[in-house]
Amino acid sequence: MQNHNKRIKTLSLIIERYATVFAYIVLFIFFSFLAPGFLTPYNVINLLRQISMLSIVTCGLTICIIAGDWDLSVGKLAGLAGIVAVSLITSGIPTYIGILAALGTGILIGCINGLLITKVGIPSLIVTLGMMTVCSGISLTWTKGLAIYKTLPESFTFWGSGYIGPVPTPIYIMVIVIFLTYILLNKTKTGRYIYAIGGNKTVASLSGIDVERYRFMGLVICSSLASLAGIILMGRLGSGQPTAGGEFLMEGLASVFLGMTTIKPGKANILGTLIGVLIMGTLSNGLTIAGVPHYPQEIVKGTVMISAVVAAVWKAEISI
């Protein structure tokens, strides 16, 4: 009897820990039957390409949130970085310099955020909310609110719409970024320190961890990955769109929150975040194939996010 109860308890813990993973499997099967064309090699590749940029952004957000910080500027920063690259390249600057300038923009914004948060002591929510507006303003001022429609070289569009063999380039970049983020967070001293800082900054500091340094590092990594996503996005669009990238923030946070309900319940973790990204991407892709208009899709995705967070808070897994 005791062994039986133990097995039931173990099974219950497994189901609770991986409930979100099971929910995604059910969702995938549901759309496989509901939406003709969903479960085809072409659409699976298309789905992975669609989530590639969001995955890259959420890797940075995951690192930030683990360290106890927020970055609300990622969406508008992605747009700004893309505009920087497109503007320079269409003006005759070599592609690699345009890409480096875009990445440099992300690093610069990350450094400004990091200094204001760690040195001046302003809460990350306030700093990055302000920076979100600044990035949007720069993009719109730079372009006068107009899209940049000029022929972009293949050396740039390759990063967003090119292929290496039968697989789109963004998928390779996504896999590399996820792998490196997983190694950083789970296999290095830096990752352990970041988790420790997010758990309790005071205890981490008393343990000899340079809290300001690792928080600063997390914010810079987050901004750098947002700018990388912006480069890929503009390469995919084939133009400079000053309002592009805004959706990365809401969907990125939704993915991280969903990830906090699985694998390591109550903690942001890269594998959980990946499940969250897959859920958000599959919802969008499946609903589109099923013929559901864009605006109702936003209602569904928002509802999924709220439900996941409410369930986690109710279980005392997350305190937000």
C-alpha atoms as a PDB file:
ATOM      1  CA  MET A   1       0.000   0.000   0.000  1.00  0.00           C
ATOM      2  CA  GLN A   2       2.824   2.370   0.892  1.00  0.00           C
ATOM      3  CA  ASN A   3       4.618   1.643  -2.381  1.00  0.00           C
ATOM      4  CA  HIS A   4       1.379   2.198  -4.265  1.00  0.00           C
ATOM      5  CA  ASN A   5       0.880   5.609  -2.659  1.00  0.00           C
ATOM      6  CA  LYS A   6       4.488   6.495  -3.367  1.00  0.00           C
ATOM      7  CA  ARG A   7       4.065   5.636  -7.045  1.00  0.00           C
ATOM      8  CA  ILE A   8       0.902   7.719  -7.241  1.00  0.00           C
ATOM      9  CA  LYS A   9       2.657  10.660  -5.605  1.00  0.00           C
ATOM     10  CA  THR A  10       5.628  10.358  -7.975  1.00  0.00           C
ATOM     11  CA  LEU A  11       3.321  10.203 -10.983  1.00  0.00           C
ATOM     12  CA  SER A  12       1.410  13.220  -9.715  1.00  0.00           C
ATOM     13  CA  LEU A  13       4.633  15.216  -9.348  1.00  0.00           C
ATOM     14  CA  ILE A  14       5.727  14.272 -12.871  1.00  0.00           C
ATOM     15  CA  ILE A  15       2.384  15.310 -14.342  1.00  0.00           C
ATOM     16  CA  GLU A  16       2.439  18.576 -12.415  1.00  0.00           C
ATOM     17  CA  ARG A  17       6.016  19.365 -13.412  1.00  0.00           C
ATOM     18  CA  TYR A  18       5.536  18.592 -17.093  1.00  0.00           C
ATOM     19  CA  ALA A  19       1.877  19.594 -17.482  1.00  0.00           C
ATOM     20  CA  THR A  20       2.796  22.415 -19.861  1.00  0.00           C
ATOM     21  CA  VAL A  21       4.816  20.006 -22.017  1.00  0.00           C
ATOM     22  CA  PHE A  22       1.858  17.623 -22.146  1.00  0.00           C
ATOM     23  CA  ALA A  23      -0.415  20.565 -22.993  1.00  0.00           C
ATOM     24  CA  TYR A  24       1.814  21.451 -25.950  1.00  0.00           C
ATOM     25  CA  ILE A  25       1.708  17.864 -27.231  1.00  0.00           C
ATOM     26  CA  VAL A  26      -2.096  17.947 -27.041  1.00  0.00           C
ATOM     27  CA  LEU A  27      -2.115  21.324 -28.826  1.00  0.00           C
ATOM     28  CA  PHE A  28       0.120  19.981 -31.605  1.00  0.00           C
ATOM     29  CA  ILE A  29      -2.091  16.909 -32.078  1.00  0.00           C
ATOM     30  CA  PHE A  30      -5.208  19.091 -32.036  1.00  0.00           C
ATOM     31  CA  PHE A  31      -3.994  21.303 -34.884  1.00  0.00           C
ATOM     32  CA  SER A  32      -2.749  18.248 -36.781  1.00  0.00           C
ATOM     33  CA  PHE A  33      -6.380  17.121 -37.061  1.00  0.00           C
ATOM     34  CA  LEU A  34      -8.070  20.541 -37.176  1.00  0.00           C
ATOM     35  CA  ALA A  35      -5.904  22.336 -39.735  1.00  0.00           C
ATOM     36  CA  PRO A  36      -5.203  20.562 -43.042  1.00  0.00           C
ATOM     37  CA  GLY A  37      -1.600  21.139 -44.014  1.00  0.00           C
ATOM     38  CA  PHE A  38      -0.406  21.731 -40.457  1.00  0.00           C
ATOM     39  CA  LEU A  39       1.452  18.442 -40.101  1.00  0.00           C
ATOM     40  CA  THR A  40       3.512  18.642 -43.268  1.00  0.00           C
ATOM     41  CA  PRO A  41       7.309  18.943 -43.607  1.00  0.00           C
ATOM     42  CA  TYR A  42       6.886  22.330 -45.305  1.00  0.00           C
ATOM     43  CA  ASN A  43       4.773  23.754 -42.480  1.00  0.00           C
ATOM     44  CA  VAL A  44       6.949  22.302 -39.712  1.00  0.00           C
ATOM     45  CA  ILE A  45       9.963  24.042 -41.282  1.00  0.00           C
ATOM     46  CA  ASN A  46       7.875  27.188 -41.675  1.00  0.00           C
ATOM     47  CA  LEU A  47       6.824  27.016 -38.014  1.00  0.00           C
ATOM     48  CA  LEU A  48      10.440  26.724 -36.879  1.00  0.00           C
ATOM     49  CA  ARG A  49      11.398  29.668 -39.067  1.00  0.00           C
ATOM     50  CA  GLN A  50       8.529  31.723 -37.642  1.00  0.00           C
ATOM     51  CA  ILE A  51       9.599  31.115 -34.040  1.00  0.00           C
ATOM     52  CA  SER A  52      13.327  31.565 -34.702  1.00  0.00           C
ATOM     53  CA  MET A  53      13.432  35.305 -33.988  1.00  0.00           C
ATOM     54  CA  LEU A  54      11.156  35.035 -30.952  1.00  0.00           C
ATOM     55  CA  SER A  55      13.340  32.204 -29.617  1.00  0.00           C
ATOM     56  CA  ILE A  56      16.444  34.380 -29.896  1.00  0.00           C
ATOM     57  CA  VAL A  57      14.763  37.278 -28.067  1.00  0.00           C
ATOM     58  CA  THR A  58      13.419  35.016 -25.320  1.00  0.00           C
ATOM     59  CA  CYS A  59      16.863  33.547 -24.658  1.00  0.00           C
ATOM     60  CA  GLY A  60      17.959  37.038 -23.630  1.00  0.00           C
ATOM     61  CA  LEU A  61      14.770  37.678 -21.668  1.00  0.00           C
ATOM     62  CA  THR A  62      15.221  34.385 -19.822  1.00  0.00           C
ATOM     63  CA  ILE A  63      18.721  35.366 -18.690  1.00  0.00           C
ATOM     64  CA  CYS A  64      17.450  38.786 -17.546  1.00  0.00           C
ATOM     65  CA  ILE A  65      14.497  37.407 -15.620  1.00  0.00           C
ATOM     66  CA  ILE A  66      16.594  34.703 -13.966  1.00  0.00           C
ATOM     67  CA  ALA A  67      18.849  37.481 -12.644  1.00  0.00           C
ATOM     68  CA  GLY A  68      15.800  39.333 -11.322  1.00  0.00           C
ATOM     69  CA  ASP A  69      15.633  42.048 -13.979  1.00  0.00           C
ATOM     70  CA  TRP A  70      13.255  42.989 -16.786  1.00  0.00           C
ATOM     71  CA  ASP A  71      13.906  44.289 -20.280  1.00  0.00           C
ATOM     72  CA  LEU A  72      10.819  45.805 -21.857  1.00  0.00           C
ATOM     73  CA  SER A  73      12.825  47.428 -24.664  1.00  0.00           C
ATOM     74  CA  VAL A  74      13.614  44.239 -26.627  1.00  0.00           C
ATOM     75  CA  GLY A  75      10.863  44.628 -29.234  1.00  0.00           C
ATOM     76  CA  LYS A  76      11.532  48.247 -30.160  1.00  0.00           C
ATOM     77  CA  LEU A  77      15.294  47.670 -29.924  1.00  0.00           C
ATOM     78  CA  ALA A  78      14.999  44.842 -32.457  1.00  0.00           C
ATOM     79  CA  GLY A  79      13.231  47.255 -34.794  1.00  0.00           C
ATOM     80  CA  LEU A  80      15.857  49.957 -34.254  1.00  0.00           C
ATOM     81  CA  ALA A  81      18.748  47.562 -34.865  1.00  0.00           C
ATOM     82  CA  GLY A  82      17.125  46.411 -38.090  1.00  0.00           C
ATOM     83  CA  ILE A  83      16.618  50.003 -39.231  1.00  0.00           C
ATOM     84  CA  VAL A  84      20.282  50.799 -38.498  1.00  0.00           C
ATOM     85  CA  ALA A  85      21.423  47.838 -40.622  1.00  0.00           C
ATOM     86  CA  VAL A  86      19.046  48.526 -43.524  1.00  0.00           C
ATOM     87  CA  SER A  87      19.738  52.274 -43.574  1.00  0.00           C
ATOM     88  CA  LEU A  88      23.502  51.837 -43.679  1.00  0.00           C
ATOM     89  CA  ILE A  89      23.465  49.022 -46.223  1.00  0.00           C
ATOM     90  CA  THR A  90      21.095  50.818 -48.610  1.00  0.00           C
ATOM     91  CA  SER A  91      23.319  53.909 -48.409  1.00  0.00           C
ATOM     92  CA  GLY A  92      26.241  51.932 -49.810  1.00  0.00           C
ATOM     93  CA  ILE A  93      27.935  50.734 -46.619  1.00  0.00           C
ATOM     94  CA  PRO A  94      29.226  47.109 -46.823  1.00  0.00           C
ATOM     95  CA  THR A  95      26.806  44.540 -45.427  1.00  0.00           C
ATOM     96  CA  TYR A  96      29.090  43.315 -42.664  1.00  0.00           C
ATOM     97  CA  ILE A  97      29.591  46.860 -41.353  1.00  0.00           C
ATOM     98  CA  GLY A  98      25.825  47.431 -41.333  1.00  0.00           C
ATOM     99  CA  ILE A  99      25.299  44.206 -39.386  1.00  0.00           C
ATOM    100  CA  LEU A 100      28.083  45.049 -36.930  1.00  0.00           C
ATOM    101  CA  ALA A 101      26.600  48.523 -36.436  1.00  0.00           C
ATOM    102  CA  ALA A 102      23.207  46.975 -35.683  1.00  0.00           C
ATOM    103  CA  LEU A 103      24.744  44.576 -33.165  1.00  0.00           C
ATOM    104  CA  GLY A 104      26.712  47.484 -31.717  1.00  0.00           C
ATOM    105  CA  THR A 105      23.452  49.372 -31.260  1.00  0.00           C
ATOM    106  CA  GLY A 106      22.129  46.510 -29.157  1.00  0.00           C
ATOM    107  CA  ILE A 107      25.298  46.361 -27.084  1.00  0.00           C
ATOM    108  CA  LEU A 108      25.220  50.148 -26.530  1.00  0.00           C
ATOM    109  CA  ILE A 109      21.570  50.118 -25.428  1.00  0.00           C
ATOM    110  CA  GLY A 110      22.325  47.156 -23.154  1.00  0.00           C
ATOM    111  CA  CYS A 111      25.232  49.024 -21.571  1.00  0.00           C
ATOM    112  CA  ILE A 112      23.091  52.115 -20.963  1.00  0.00           C
ATOM    113  CA  ASN A 113      20.356  49.978 -19.410  1.00  0.00           C
ATOM    114  CA  GLY A 114      22.929  48.122 -17.329  1.00  0.00           C
ATOM    115  CA  LEU A 115      24.605  51.268 -15.998  1.00  0.00           C
ATOM    116  CA  LEU A 116      21.317  52.954 -15.071  1.00  0.00           C
ATOM    117  CA  ILE A 117      20.045  49.811 -13.348  1.00  0.00           C
ATOM    118  CA  THR A 118      23.175  48.564 -11.564  1.00  0.00           C
ATOM    119  CA  LYS A 119      25.078  51.793 -10.904  1.00  0.00           C
ATOM    120  CA  VAL A 120      22.373  54.433 -10.554  1.00  0.00           C
ATOM    121  CA  GLY A 121      19.936  52.001  -8.939  1.00  0.00           C
ATOM    122  CA  ILE A 122      16.846  52.688 -11.051  1.00  0.00           C
ATOM    123  CA  PRO A 123      14.493  49.662 -11.260  1.00  0.00           C
ATOM    124  CA  SER A 124      14.897  47.738 -14.513  1.00  0.00           C
ATOM    125  CA  LEU A 125      11.166  47.971 -15.245  1.00  0.00           C
ATOM    126  CA  ILE A 126      11.340  51.784 -15.345  1.00  0.00           C
ATOM    127  CA  VAL A 127      14.643  52.028 -17.240  1.00  0.00           C
ATOM    128  CA  THR A 128      13.704  49.599 -19.982  1.00  0.00           C
ATOM    129  CA  LEU A 129      10.186  51.009 -20.307  1.00  0.00           C
ATOM    130  CA  GLY A 130      11.769  54.380 -20.991  1.00  0.00           C
ATOM    131  CA  MET A 131      14.321  52.847 -23.335  1.00  0.00           C
ATOM    132  CA  MET A 132      11.508  51.157 -25.254  1.00  0.00           C
ATOM    133  CA  THR A 133      10.074  54.610 -26.010  1.00  0.00           C
ATOM    134  CA  VAL A 134      13.498  56.000 -26.875  1.00  0.00           C
ATOM    135  CA  CYS A 135      14.210  53.197 -29.372  1.00  0.00           C
ATOM    136  CA  SER A 136      10.805  53.631 -30.981  1.00  0.00           C
ATOM    137  CA  GLY A 137      11.318  57.389 -31.221  1.00  0.00           C
ATOM    138  CA  ILE A 138      14.752  57.023 -32.824  1.00  0.00           C
ATOM    139  CA  SER A 139      13.430  54.543 -35.398  1.00  0.00           C
ATOM    140  CA  LEU A 140      10.499  56.772 -36.370  1.00  0.00           C
ATOM    141  CA  THR A 141      12.633  59.939 -36.431  1.00  0.00           C
ATOM    142  CA  TRP A 142      15.363  58.254 -38.498  1.00  0.00           C
ATOM    143  CA  THR A 143      12.894  57.012 -41.107  1.00  0.00           C
ATOM    144  CA  LYS A 144      10.364  59.860 -40.742  1.00  0.00           C
ATOM    145  CA  GLY A 145       7.855  57.131 -39.970  1.00  0.00           C
ATOM    146  CA  LEU A 146       8.212  55.598 -43.431  1.00  0.00           C
ATOM    147  CA  ALA A 147       9.371  52.141 -44.395  1.00  0.00           C
ATOM    148  CA  ILE A 148      12.664  51.819 -46.295  1.00  0.00           C
ATOM    149  CA  TYR A 149      11.893  50.079 -49.563  1.00  0.00           C
ATOM    150  CA  LYS A 150      15.181  49.668 -51.387  1.00  0.00           C
ATOM    151  CA  THR A 151      16.893  46.658 -52.894  1.00  0.00           C
ATOM    152  CA  LEU A 152      18.889  44.865 -50.215  1.00  0.00           C
ATOM    153  CA  PRO A 153      21.868  42.680 -51.129  1.00  0.00           C
ATOM    154  CA  GLU A 154      21.542  38.917 -50.859  1.00  0.00           C
ATOM    155  CA  SER A 155      24.392  38.963 -48.332  1.00  0.00           C
ATOM    156  CA  PHE A 156      21.940  40.656 -45.923  1.00  0.00           C
ATOM    157  CA  THR A 157      18.626  39.008 -46.819  1.00  0.00           C
ATOM    158  CA  PHE A 158      20.378  35.636 -46.512  1.00  0.00           C
ATOM    159  CA  TRP A 159      20.240  35.953 -42.717  1.00  0.00           C
ATOM    160  CA  GLY A 160      16.469  36.265 -42.723  1.00  0.00           C
ATOM    161  CA  SER A 161      15.221  34.474 -45.823  1.00  0.00           C
ATOM    162  CA  GLY A 162      18.170  32.421 -47.063  1.00  0.00           C
ATOM    163  CA  TYR A 163      18.722  28.674 -46.866  1.00  0.00           C
ATOM    164  CA  ILE A 164      21.601  26.388 -45.969  1.00  0.00           C
ATOM    165  CA  GLY A 165      20.621  23.230 -47.763  1.00  0.00           C
ATOM    166  CA  PRO A 166      16.879  22.645 -47.277  1.00  0.00           C
ATOM    167  CA  VAL A 167      16.766  24.465 -43.928  1.00  0.00           C
ATOM    168  CA  PRO A 168      16.225  28.261 -43.551  1.00  0.00           C
ATOM    169  CA  THR A 169      19.193  30.166 -42.132  1.00  0.00           C
ATOM    170  CA  PRO A 170      17.262  31.593 -39.123  1.00  0.00           C
ATOM    171  CA  ILE A 171      16.675  28.059 -37.825  1.00  0.00           C
ATOM    172  CA  TYR A 172      20.430  27.413 -37.645  1.00  0.00           C
ATOM    173  CA  ILE A 173      20.952  30.708 -35.809  1.00  0.00           C
ATOM    174  CA  MET A 174      18.116  29.870 -33.402  1.00  0.00           C
ATOM    175  CA  VAL A 175      19.576  26.447 -32.590  1.00  0.00           C
ATOM    176  CA  ILE A 176      23.037  27.913 -31.963  1.00  0.00           C
ATOM    177  CA  VAL A 177      21.680  30.662 -29.678  1.00  0.00           C
ATOM    178  CA  ILE A 178      19.514  28.237 -27.681  1.00  0.00           C
ATOM    179  CA  PHE A 179      22.421  25.796 -27.302  1.00  0.00           C
ATOM    180  CA  LEU A 180      24.839  28.506 -26.127  1.00  0.00           C
ATOM    181  CA  THR A 181      22.247  29.924 -23.713  1.00  0.00           C
ATOM    182  CA  TYR A 182      21.594  26.473 -22.267  1.00  0.00           C
ATOM    183  CA  ILE A 183      25.335  25.896 -21.767  1.00  0.00           C
ATOM    184  CA  LEU A 184      25.765  29.343 -20.196  1.00  0.00           C
ATOM    185  CA  LEU A 185      22.925  28.892 -17.710  1.00  0.00           C
ATOM    186  CA  ASN A 186      23.370  25.222 -16.842  1.00  0.00           C
ATOM    187  CA  LYS A 187      27.029  24.334 -17.333  1.00  0.00           C
ATOM    188  CA  THR A 188      29.031  27.382 -16.298  1.00  0.00           C
ATOM    189  CA  LYS A 189      29.897  29.280 -13.145  1.00  0.00           C
ATOM    190  CA  THR A 190      28.332  32.392 -14.690  1.00  0.00           C
ATOM    191  CA  GLY A 191      25.002  30.588 -15.000  1.00  0.00           C
ATOM    192  CA  ARG A 192      25.102  29.443 -11.385  1.00  0.00           C
ATOM    193  CA  TYR A 193      25.853  32.986 -10.278  1.00  0.00           C
ATOM    194  CA  ILE A 194      22.975  34.396 -12.342  1.00  0.00           C
ATOM    195  CA  TYR A 195      20.552  31.926 -10.743  1.00  0.00           C
ATOM    196  CA  ALA A 196      21.931  32.772  -7.297  1.00  0.00           C
ATOM    197  CA  ILE A 197      21.476  36.512  -7.899  1.00  0.00           C
ATOM    198  CA  GLY A 198      17.881  35.991  -9.009  1.00  0.00           C
ATOM    199  CA  GLY A 199      17.201  33.879  -5.931  1.00  0.00           C
ATOM    200  CA  ASN A 200      18.475  36.436  -3.437  1.00  0.00           C
ATOM    201  CA  LYS A 201      20.731  39.357  -4.368  1.00  0.00           C
ATOM    202  CA  THR A 202      21.787  40.042  -0.780  1.00  0.00           C
ATOM    203  CA  VAL A 203      22.833  36.459  -0.073  1.00  0.00           C
ATOM    204  CA  ALA A 204      24.608  36.279  -3.440  1.00  0.00           C
ATOM    205  CA  SER A 205      26.546  39.449  -2.646  1.00  0.00           C
ATOM    206  CA  LEU A 206      27.514  38.188   0.828  1.00  0.00           C
ATOM    207  CA  SER A 207      28.728  34.974  -0.853  1.00  0.00           C
ATOM    208  CA  GLY A 208      31.254  36.999  -2.833  1.00  0.00           C
ATOM    209  CA  ILE A 209      29.391  37.188  -6.150  1.00  0.00           C
ATOM    210  CA  ASP A 210      29.775  40.467  -8.042  1.00  0.00           C
ATOM    211  CA  VAL A 211      26.037  41.055  -8.383  1.00  0.00           C
ATOM    212  CA  GLU A 212      26.295  44.268 -10.407  1.00  0.00           C
ATOM    213  CA  ARG A 213      28.648  42.669 -12.927  1.00  0.00           C
ATOM    214  CA  TYR A 214      26.452  39.687 -13.689  1.00  0.00           C
ATOM    215  CA  ARG A 215      23.248  41.715 -13.830  1.00  0.00           C
ATOM    216  CA  PHE A 216      24.976  44.109 -16.233  1.00  0.00           C
ATOM    217  CA  MET A 217      26.131  41.152 -18.314  1.00  0.00           C
ATOM    218  CA  GLY A 218      22.617  39.734 -18.479  1.00  0.00           C
ATOM    219  CA  LEU A 219      21.153  43.028 -19.683  1.00  0.00           C
ATOM    220  CA  VAL A 220      23.813  43.417 -22.388  1.00  0.00           C
ATOM    221  CA  ILE A 221      23.296  39.854 -23.606  1.00  0.00           C
ATOM    222  CA  CYS A 222      19.547  40.445 -23.730  1.00  0.00           C
ATOM    223  CA  SER A 223      19.910  43.613 -25.809  1.00  0.00           C
ATOM    224  CA  SER A 224      22.482  42.001 -28.106  1.00  0.00           C
ATOM    225  CA  LEU A 225      20.162  39.068 -28.857  1.00  0.00           C
ATOM    226  CA  ALA A 226      17.272  41.482 -29.489  1.00  0.00           C
ATOM    227  CA  SER A 227      19.390  43.318 -32.063  1.00  0.00           C
ATOM    228  CA  LEU A 228      20.325  39.991 -33.684  1.00  0.00           C
ATOM    229  CA  ALA A 229      16.627  39.142 -33.971  1.00  0.00           C
ATOM    230  CA  GLY A 230      16.038  42.572 -35.545  1.00  0.00           C
ATOM    231  CA  ILE A 231      18.675  41.915 -38.204  1.00  0.00           C
ATOM    232  CA  ILE A 232      17.075  38.569 -39.064  1.00  0.00           C
ATOM    233  CA  LEU A 233      13.600  40.166 -39.098  1.00  0.00           C
ATOM    234  CA  MET A 234      14.599  42.900 -41.569  1.00  0.00           C
ATOM    235  CA  GLY A 235      16.403  40.342 -43.699  1.00  0.00           C
ATOM    236  CA  ARG A 236      13.204  38.313 -43.774  1.00  0.00           C
ATOM    237  CA  LEU A 237      11.031  41.323 -44.619  1.00  0.00           C
ATOM    238  CA  GLY A 238      13.494  42.594 -47.232  1.00  0.00           C
ATOM    239  CA  SER A 239      12.903  46.179 -46.108  1.00  0.00           C
ATOM    240  CA  GLY A 240      13.289  48.512 -43.156  1.00  0.00           C
ATOM    241  CA  GLN A 241      10.087  48.699 -41.102  1.00  0.00           C
ATOM    242  CA  PRO A 242      10.302  51.232 -38.223  1.00  0.00           C
ATOM    243  CA  THR A 243       7.372  49.647 -36.385  1.00  0.00           C
ATOM    244  CA  ALA A 244       8.540  46.026 -36.764  1.00  0.00           C
ATOM    245  CA  GLY A 245       9.538  43.898 -33.780  1.00  0.00           C
ATOM    246  CA  GLY A 246       7.019  45.246 -31.288  1.00  0.00           C
ATOM    247  CA  GLU A 247       5.341  41.854 -30.917  1.00  0.00           C
ATOM    248  CA  PHE A 248       8.548  40.338 -29.530  1.00  0.00           C
ATOM    249  CA  LEU A 249       7.945  41.859 -26.087  1.00  0.00           C
ATOM    250  CA  MET A 250       4.480  40.473 -25.335  1.00  0.00           C
ATOM    251  CA  GLU A 251       5.074  37.095 -26.952  1.00  0.00           C
ATOM    252  CA  GLY A 252       8.549  36.900 -25.420  1.00  0.00           C
ATOM    253  CA  LEU A 253       7.292  37.518 -21.883  1.00  0.00           C
ATOM    254  CA  ALA A 254       4.415  35.105 -22.475  1.00  0.00           C
ATOM    255  CA  SER A 255       6.898  32.421 -23.524  1.00  0.00           C
ATOM    256  CA  VAL A 256       9.095  32.958 -20.460  1.00  0.00           C
ATOM    257  CA  PHE A 257       6.083  32.887 -18.111  1.00  0.00           C
ATOM    258  CA  LEU A 258       4.819  29.692 -19.710  1.00  0.00           C
ATOM    259  CA  GLY A 259       8.308  28.260 -19.314  1.00  0.00           C
ATOM    260  CA  MET A 260       8.244  29.054 -15.610  1.00  0.00           C
ATOM    261  CA  THR A 261       5.402  26.573 -15.174  1.00  0.00           C
ATOM    262  CA  THR A 262       7.424  23.577 -16.376  1.00  0.00           C
ATOM    263  CA  ILE A 263      10.825  21.818 -16.159  1.00  0.00           C
ATOM    264  CA  LYS A 264      11.851  24.019 -13.186  1.00  0.00           C
ATOM    265  CA  PRO A 265       8.476  25.274 -11.899  1.00  0.00           C
ATOM    266  CA  GLY A 266       8.715  28.750 -10.444  1.00  0.00           C
ATOM    267  CA  LYS A 267      12.006  29.555 -12.171  1.00  0.00           C
ATOM    268  CA  ALA A 268      12.745  30.882 -15.609  1.00  0.00           C
ATOM    269  CA  ASN A 269      14.699  28.239 -17.535  1.00  0.00           C
ATOM    270  CA  ILE A 270      15.726  27.976 -21.152  1.00  0.00           C
ATOM    271  CA  LEU A 271      14.088  24.602 -21.857  1.00  0.00           C
ATOM    272  CA  GLY A 272      10.813  25.785 -20.350  1.00  0.00           C
ATOM    273  CA  THR A 273      11.055  29.011 -22.349  1.00  0.00           C
ATOM    274  CA  LEU A 274      11.510  26.954 -25.521  1.00  0.00           C
ATOM    275  CA  ILE A 275       8.259  25.112 -24.728  1.00  0.00           C
ATOM    276  CA  GLY A 276       6.592  28.490 -24.230  1.00  0.00           C
ATOM    277  CA  VAL A 277       7.880  29.714 -27.598  1.00  0.00           C
ATOM    278  CA  LEU A 278       6.603  26.550 -29.274  1.00  0.00           C
ATOM    279  CA  ILE A 279       3.171  27.037 -27.713  1.00  0.00           C
ATOM    280  CA  MET A 280       2.932  30.669 -28.860  1.00  0.00           C
ATOM    281  CA  GLY A 281       4.267  29.844 -32.318  1.00  0.00           C
ATOM    282  CA  THR A 282       2.060  26.778 -32.777  1.00  0.00           C
ATOM    283  CA  LEU A 283      -1.022  28.719 -31.703  1.00  0.00           C
ATOM    284  CA  SER A 284      -0.328  31.436 -34.261  1.00  0.00           C
ATOM    285  CA  ASN A 285       0.587  29.018 -37.041  1.00  0.00           C
ATOM    286  CA  GLY A 286      -2.244  26.568 -36.384  1.00  0.00           C
ATOM    287  CA  LEU A 287      -4.929  29.242 -36.054  1.00  0.00           C
ATOM    288  CA  THR A 288      -3.751  30.894 -39.274  1.00  0.00           C
ATOM    289  CA  ILE A 289      -3.915  27.623 -41.204  1.00  0.00           C
ATOM    290  CA  ALA A 290      -7.336  26.966 -39.669  1.00  0.00           C
ATOM    291  CA  GLY A 291      -8.520  30.296 -41.104  1.00  0.00           C
ATOM    292  CA  VAL A 292      -8.819  32.265 -37.864  1.00  0.00           C
ATOM    293  CA  PRO A 293      -8.225  36.033 -38.441  1.00  0.00           C
ATOM    294  CA  HIS A 294      -5.235  37.756 -36.841  1.00  0.00           C
ATOM    295  CA  TYR A 295      -7.058  39.800 -34.187  1.00  0.00           C
ATOM    296  CA  PRO A 296      -8.897  36.880 -32.542  1.00  0.00           C
ATOM    297  CA  GLN A 297      -5.533  35.095 -32.430  1.00  0.00           C
ATOM    298  CA  GLU A 298      -4.247  37.833 -30.122  1.00  0.00           C
ATOM    299  CA  ILE A 299      -7.152  37.147 -27.769  1.00  0.00           C
ATOM    300  CA  VAL A 300      -6.313  33.438 -27.685  1.00  0.00           C
ATOM    301  CA  LYS A 301      -2.593  34.005 -27.089  1.00  0.00           C
ATOM    302  CA  GLY A 302      -3.242  36.566 -24.367  1.00  0.00           C
ATOM    303  CA  THR A 303      -5.687  34.231 -22.660  1.00  0.00           C
ATOM    304  CA  VAL A 304      -3.165  31.377 -22.736  1.00  0.00           C
ATOM    305  CA  MET A 305      -0.533  33.602 -21.129  1.00  0.00           C
ATOM    306  CA  ILE A 306      -2.840  34.834 -18.368  1.00  0.00           C
ATOM    307  CA  SER A 307      -4.116  31.312 -17.645  1.00  0.00           C
ATOM    308  CA  ALA A 308      -0.609  29.902 -17.332  1.00  0.00           C
ATOM    309  CA  VAL A 309       0.565  32.637 -14.971  1.00  0.00           C
ATOM    310  CA  VAL A 310      -2.608  32.507 -12.863  1.00  0.00           C
ATOM    311  CA  ALA A 311      -2.258  28.747 -12.491  1.00  0.00           C
ATOM    312  CA  ALA A 312       1.381  29.081 -11.434  1.00  0.00           C
ATOM    313  CA  VAL A 313       0.677  31.890  -8.954  1.00  0.00           C
ATOM    314  CA  TRP A 314      -2.230  29.912  -7.514  1.00  0.00           C
ATOM    315  CA  LYS A 315       0.154  27.010  -6.908  1.00  0.00           C
ATOM    316  CA  ALA A 316       2.615  29.455  -5.321  1.00  0.00           C
ATOM    317  CA  GLU A 317       5.181  28.564  -7.995  1.00  0.00           C
ATOM    318  CA  ILE A 318       5.611  32.125  -9.206  1.00  0.00           C
ATOM    319  CA  SER A 319       5.503  35.393  -7.329  1.00  0.00           C
ATOM    320  CA  ILE A 320       5.208  38.364  -9.659  1.00  0.00           C
END
